[in-house]
C-alpha atoms as a PDB file:
ATOM      1  CA  MET A   1     102.347  90.398  72.898  1.00  0.00           C
ATOM      2  CA  ASP A   2     100.981  90.712  69.423  1.00  0.00           C
ATOM      3  CA  ASP A   3     103.121  90.710  66.310  1.00  0.00           C
ATOM      4  CA  VAL A   4     101.165  93.198  64.207  1.00  0.00           C
ATOM      5  CA  HIS A   5     101.407  92.283  60.517  1.00  0.00           C
ATOM      6  CA  ASP A   6     103.784  89.392  61.453  1.00  0.00           C
ATOM      7  CA  LYS A   7     106.862  91.640  61.066  1.00  0.00           C
ATOM      8  CA  VAL A   8     108.869  89.908  63.800  1.00  0.00           C
ATOM      9  CA  LYS A   9     107.832  86.426  62.635  1.00  0.00           C
ATOM     10  CA  GLU A  10     108.756  87.202  59.018  1.00  0.00           C
ATOM     11  CA  SER A  11     112.197  88.418  60.123  1.00  0.00           C
ATOM     12  CA  GLY A  12     112.954  84.960  61.534  1.00  0.00           C
ATOM     13  CA  LYS A  13     114.469  86.649  64.583  1.00  0.00           C
ATOM     14  CA  TRP A  14     113.434  87.147  68.175  1.00  0.00           C
ATOM     15  CA  PRO A  15     112.526  90.648  69.371  1.00  0.00           C
ATOM     16  CA  PHE A  16     115.050  92.791  71.232  1.00  0.00           C
ATOM     17  CA  VAL A  17     113.052  95.502  72.984  1.00  0.00           C
ATOM     18  CA  VAL A  18     114.923  98.714  73.777  1.00  0.00           C
ATOM     19  CA  ASP A  19     112.864 100.630  76.327  1.00  0.00           C
ATOM     20  CA  THR A  20     114.899 103.372  78.001  1.00  0.00           C
ATOM     21  CA  VAL A  21     112.007 104.184  80.364  1.00  0.00           C
ATOM     22  CA  GLY A  22     111.534 100.596  81.591  1.00  0.00           C
ATOM     23  CA  GLN A  23     107.763 100.384  81.268  1.00  0.00           C
ATOM     24  CA  VAL A  24     107.819  97.234  79.119  1.00  0.00           C
ATOM     25  CA  SER A  25     109.646  95.307  81.836  1.00  0.00           C
ATOM     26  CA  THR A  26     107.093  96.395  84.426  1.00  0.00           C
ATOM     27  CA  PHE A  27     104.226  95.450  82.111  1.00  0.00           C
ATOM     28  CA  LEU A  28     105.655  92.013  81.272  1.00  0.00           C
ATOM     29  CA  LYS A  29     106.417  91.257  84.915  1.00  0.00           C
ATOM     30  CA  TYR A  30     102.664  91.076  85.533  1.00  0.00           C
ATOM     31  CA  ARG A  31     101.831  89.000  82.456  1.00  0.00           C
ATOM     32  CA  ASP A  32     101.975  85.222  82.047  1.00  0.00           C
ATOM     33  CA  THR A  33     105.687  85.080  81.218  1.00  0.00           C
ATOM     34  CA  ASN A  34     108.834  83.466  82.543  1.00  0.00           C
ATOM     35  CA  MET A  35     111.163  86.387  83.204  1.00  0.00           C
ATOM     36  CA  ILE A  36     114.849  86.313  84.083  1.00  0.00           C
ATOM     37  CA  ASN A  37     116.266  89.526  85.555  1.00  0.00           C
ATOM     38  CA  CYS A  38     119.971  89.530  84.663  1.00  0.00           C
ATOM     39  CA  LEU A  39     120.837  91.728  87.651  1.00  0.00           C
ATOM     40  CA  GLU A  40     119.320  89.324  90.184  1.00  0.00           C
ATOM     41  CA  LYS A  41     121.748  86.717  91.516  1.00  0.00           C
ATOM     42  CA  HIS A  42     118.993  84.129  92.060  1.00  0.00           C
ATOM     43  CA  ASP A  43     117.610  84.577  88.541  1.00  0.00           C
ATOM     44  CA  MET A  44     121.071  84.067  87.042  1.00  0.00           C
ATOM     45  CA  GLN A  45     121.573  80.635  88.589  1.00  0.00           C
ATOM     46  CA  PRO A  46     121.801  78.033  85.794  1.00  0.00           C
ATOM     47  CA  GLU A  47     119.033  75.899  87.303  1.00  0.00           C
ATOM     48  CA  THR A  48     116.685  78.893  87.590  1.00  0.00           C
ATOM     49  CA  ILE A  49     117.340  79.808  83.955  1.00  0.00           C
ATOM     50  CA  ARG A  50     116.892  76.204  82.780  1.00  0.00           C
ATOM     51  CA  MET A  51     113.592  75.730  84.592  1.00  0.00           C
ATOM     52  CA  ALA A  52     112.247  79.093  83.376  1.00  0.00           C
ATOM     53  CA  LEU A  53     113.238  78.212  79.822  1.00  0.00           C
ATOM     54  CA  ILE A  54     111.784  74.700  79.720  1.00  0.00           C
ATOM     55  CA  GLY A  55     108.680  75.948  81.541  1.00  0.00           C
ATOM     56  CA  ALA A  56     108.143  78.598  78.871  1.00  0.00           C
ATOM     57  CA  MET A  57     108.601  75.988  76.132  1.00  0.00           C
ATOM     58  CA  LYS A  58     106.389  73.429  77.861  1.00  0.00           C
ATOM     59  CA  PHE A  59     103.502  75.805  78.438  1.00  0.00           C
ATOM     60  CA  GLY A  60     103.953  78.027  75.363  1.00  0.00           C
ATOM     61  CA  LYS A  61     104.842  81.220  77.202  1.00  0.00           C
ATOM     62  CA  PRO A  62     107.230  84.085  76.480  1.00  0.00           C
ATOM     63  CA  PHE A  63     110.697  83.688  77.996  1.00  0.00           C
ATOM     64  CA  ILE A  64     111.924  87.181  78.858  1.00  0.00           C
ATOM     65  CA  LEU A  65     115.595  88.004  79.408  1.00  0.00           C
ATOM     66  CA  ASP A  66     115.660  91.428  81.090  1.00  0.00           C
ATOM     67  CA  MET A  67     119.139  92.966  80.972  1.00  0.00           C
ATOM     68  CA  ASN A  68     117.938  96.240  82.522  1.00  0.00           C
ATOM     69  CA  GLU A  69     120.321  99.172  82.042  1.00  0.00           C
ATOM     70  CA  ALA A  70     123.473  97.077  81.727  1.00  0.00           C
ATOM     71  CA  ASP A  71     125.045  95.369  78.722  1.00  0.00           C
ATOM     72  CA  MET A  72     124.686  91.923  80.265  1.00  0.00           C
ATOM     73  CA  PHE A  73     124.448  89.823  77.131  1.00  0.00           C
ATOM     74  CA  GLN A  74     127.861  88.137  77.374  1.00  0.00           C
ATOM     75  CA  ALA A  75     127.383  87.443  81.088  1.00  0.00           C
ATOM     76  CA  CYS A  76     123.987  85.912  80.284  1.00  0.00           C
ATOM     77  CA  ALA A  77     125.449  83.860  77.426  1.00  0.00           C
ATOM     78  CA  ASP A  78     128.093  82.504  79.814  1.00  0.00           C
ATOM     79  CA  LYS A  79     125.401  81.424  82.292  1.00  0.00           C
ATOM     80  CA  PHE A  80     123.394  79.766  79.509  1.00  0.00           C
ATOM     81  CA  ASP A  81     126.600  77.924  78.484  1.00  0.00           C
ATOM     82  CA  GLU A  82     126.743  76.443  81.997  1.00  0.00           C
ATOM     83  CA  ILE A  83     123.408  74.789  81.217  1.00  0.00           C
ATOM     84  CA  GLN A  84     124.361  73.639  77.733  1.00  0.00           C
ATOM     85  CA  LYS A  85     127.236  74.810  75.546  1.00  0.00           C
ATOM     86  CA  GLY A  86     125.962  77.133  72.805  1.00  0.00           C
ATOM     87  CA  LEU A  87     122.466  77.377  74.315  1.00  0.00           C
ATOM     88  CA  ILE A  88     122.022  81.123  73.768  1.00  0.00           C
ATOM     89  CA  ASP A  89     123.083  80.747  70.123  1.00  0.00           C
ATOM     90  CA  ALA A  90     120.674  77.826  69.666  1.00  0.00           C
ATOM     91  CA  LEU A  91     117.905  80.011  71.067  1.00  0.00           C
ATOM     92  CA  LEU A  92     118.776  83.030  68.927  1.00  0.00           C
ATOM     93  CA  ASP A  93     119.021  81.088  65.662  1.00  0.00           C
ATOM     94  CA  LYS A  94     116.093  78.846  66.679  1.00  0.00           C
ATOM     95  CA  SER A  95     118.083  75.665  66.048  1.00  0.00           C
ATOM     96  CA  ILE A  96     116.995  74.520  69.516  1.00  0.00           C
ATOM     97  CA  PHE A  97     113.667  73.546  67.917  1.00  0.00           C
ATOM     98  CA  LYS A  98     115.211  71.318  65.240  1.00  0.00           C
ATOM     99  CA  ASP A  99     114.792  67.645  66.052  1.00  0.00           C
ATOM    100  CA  GLU A 100     113.323  68.658  69.425  1.00  0.00           C
ATOM    101  CA  LYS A 101     116.794  69.625  70.704  1.00  0.00           C
ATOM    102  CA  TYR A 102     115.097  71.561  73.530  1.00  0.00           C
ATOM    103  CA  LEU A 103     114.178  68.230  75.148  1.00  0.00           C
ATOM    104  CA  SER A 104     117.857  67.731  76.000  1.00  0.00           C
ATOM    105  CA  LEU A 105     117.343  70.437  78.652  1.00  0.00           C
ATOM    106  CA  VAL A 106     114.787  68.296  80.501  1.00  0.00           C
ATOM    107  CA  LYS A 107     116.059  66.144  83.379  1.00  0.00           C
ATOM    108  CA  ASP A 108     114.430  63.046  84.850  1.00  0.00           C
ATOM    109  CA  THR A 109     114.204  64.895  88.173  1.00  0.00           C
ATOM    110  CA  ASP A 110     112.055  67.689  86.683  1.00  0.00           C
ATOM    111  CA  GLY A 111     108.861  65.813  87.432  1.00  0.00           C
ATOM    112  CA  ALA A 112     105.927  64.455  85.481  1.00  0.00           C
ATOM    113  CA  ASP A 113     104.788  67.881  84.235  1.00  0.00           C
ATOM    114  CA  TYR A 114     107.926  68.121  82.107  1.00  0.00           C
ATOM    115  CA  ASP A 115     107.796  64.563  80.778  1.00  0.00           C
ATOM    116  CA  PRO A 116     107.364  64.974  77.001  1.00  0.00           C
ATOM    117  CA  GLY A 117     105.619  61.591  76.827  1.00  0.00           C
ATOM    118  CA  ARG A 118     102.893  62.768  79.174  1.00  0.00           C
ATOM    119  CA  SER A 119     101.863  65.884  77.272  1.00  0.00           C
ATOM    120  CA  PRO A 120     103.417  67.768  74.361  1.00  0.00           C
ATOM    121  CA  TYR A 121     105.533  70.884  74.650  1.00  0.00           C
ATOM    122  CA  MET A 122     103.780  73.946  73.228  1.00  0.00           C
ATOM    123  CA  VAL A 123     106.856  75.347  71.477  1.00  0.00           C
ATOM    124  CA  ASP A 124     104.797  76.876  68.663  1.00  0.00           C
ATOM    125  CA  ASN A 125     103.563  79.465  71.183  1.00  0.00           C
ATOM    126  CA  PHE A 126     107.000  80.028  72.776  1.00  0.00           C
ATOM    127  CA  LYS A 127     108.635  83.415  72.324  1.00  0.00           C
ATOM    128  CA  PHE A 128     112.101  84.594  73.363  1.00  0.00           C
ATOM    129  CA  VAL A 129     112.257  88.312  74.130  1.00  0.00           C
ATOM    130  CA  ILE A 130     115.310  90.271  75.221  1.00  0.00           C
ATOM    131  CA  LEU A 131     114.756  93.567  77.035  1.00  0.00           C
ATOM    132  CA  THR A 132     117.083  96.435  77.843  1.00  0.00           C
ATOM    133  CA  THR A 133     116.761  99.961  79.161  1.00  0.00           C
ATOM    134  CA  HIS A 134     120.307 100.742  77.978  1.00  0.00           C
ATOM    135  CA  SER A 135     120.263 103.682  75.561  1.00  0.00           C
ATOM    136  CA  ARG A 136     123.095 102.201  73.459  1.00  0.00           C
ATOM    137  CA  PRO A 137     122.437  98.458  73.190  1.00  0.00           C
ATOM    138  CA  ASN A 138     124.952  95.824  72.147  1.00  0.00           C
ATOM    139  CA  GLU A 139     125.542  96.150  68.370  1.00  0.00           C
ATOM    140  CA  ASN A 140     126.098  92.420  67.861  1.00  0.00           C
ATOM    141  CA  LEU A 141     122.822  91.640  69.585  1.00  0.00           C
ATOM    142  CA  LEU A 142     120.997  94.234  67.475  1.00  0.00           C
ATOM    143  CA  LYS A 143     122.165  92.383  64.338  1.00  0.00           C
ATOM    144  CA  ARG A 144     121.058  88.981  65.636  1.00  0.00           C
ATOM    145  CA  THR A 145     117.584  90.059  66.752  1.00  0.00           C
ATOM    146  CA  TYR A 146     114.635  92.155  65.602  1.00  0.00           C
ATOM    147  CA  PRO A 147     115.148  95.475  67.431  1.00  0.00           C
ATOM    148  CA  ILE A 148     112.063  97.282  68.675  1.00  0.00           C
ATOM    149  CA  SER A 149     112.550 100.718  70.194  1.00  0.00           C
ATOM    150  CA  ILE A 150     109.919 101.976  72.617  1.00  0.00           C
ATOM    151  CA  ILE A 151     109.581 105.737  72.651  1.00  0.00           C
END
């Protein structure tokens, strides 16, 4: 996922990809990403979300939130709140990276791979991407992200 001319980076926002055909989701599914499908019950379990998120931060991978054809943002935000209050907002405004706040998501039971003392988290390579195939995406989310429409 290249940011041609650093447009997304310069915006200071994460990309919100609107792909009414759904090809981006299929493409990203087979890339080295941690993807959460908002319509899958297992994916929406707080522990699944937490591990996918810290894994993406640890190994510098994109964390993809695929809302499919539904406006699932509030439902997703509620699930993220079960992990840590205000987590989705901290991700969107990138405050989760200030003072290594993301480390508060790591539990002692996560194993040695997630121990920040053992090896550093590669958060500089982390990306948060929201996907939808909905033709009329959430207006609030459009304002808080960098919308990219796939034609």
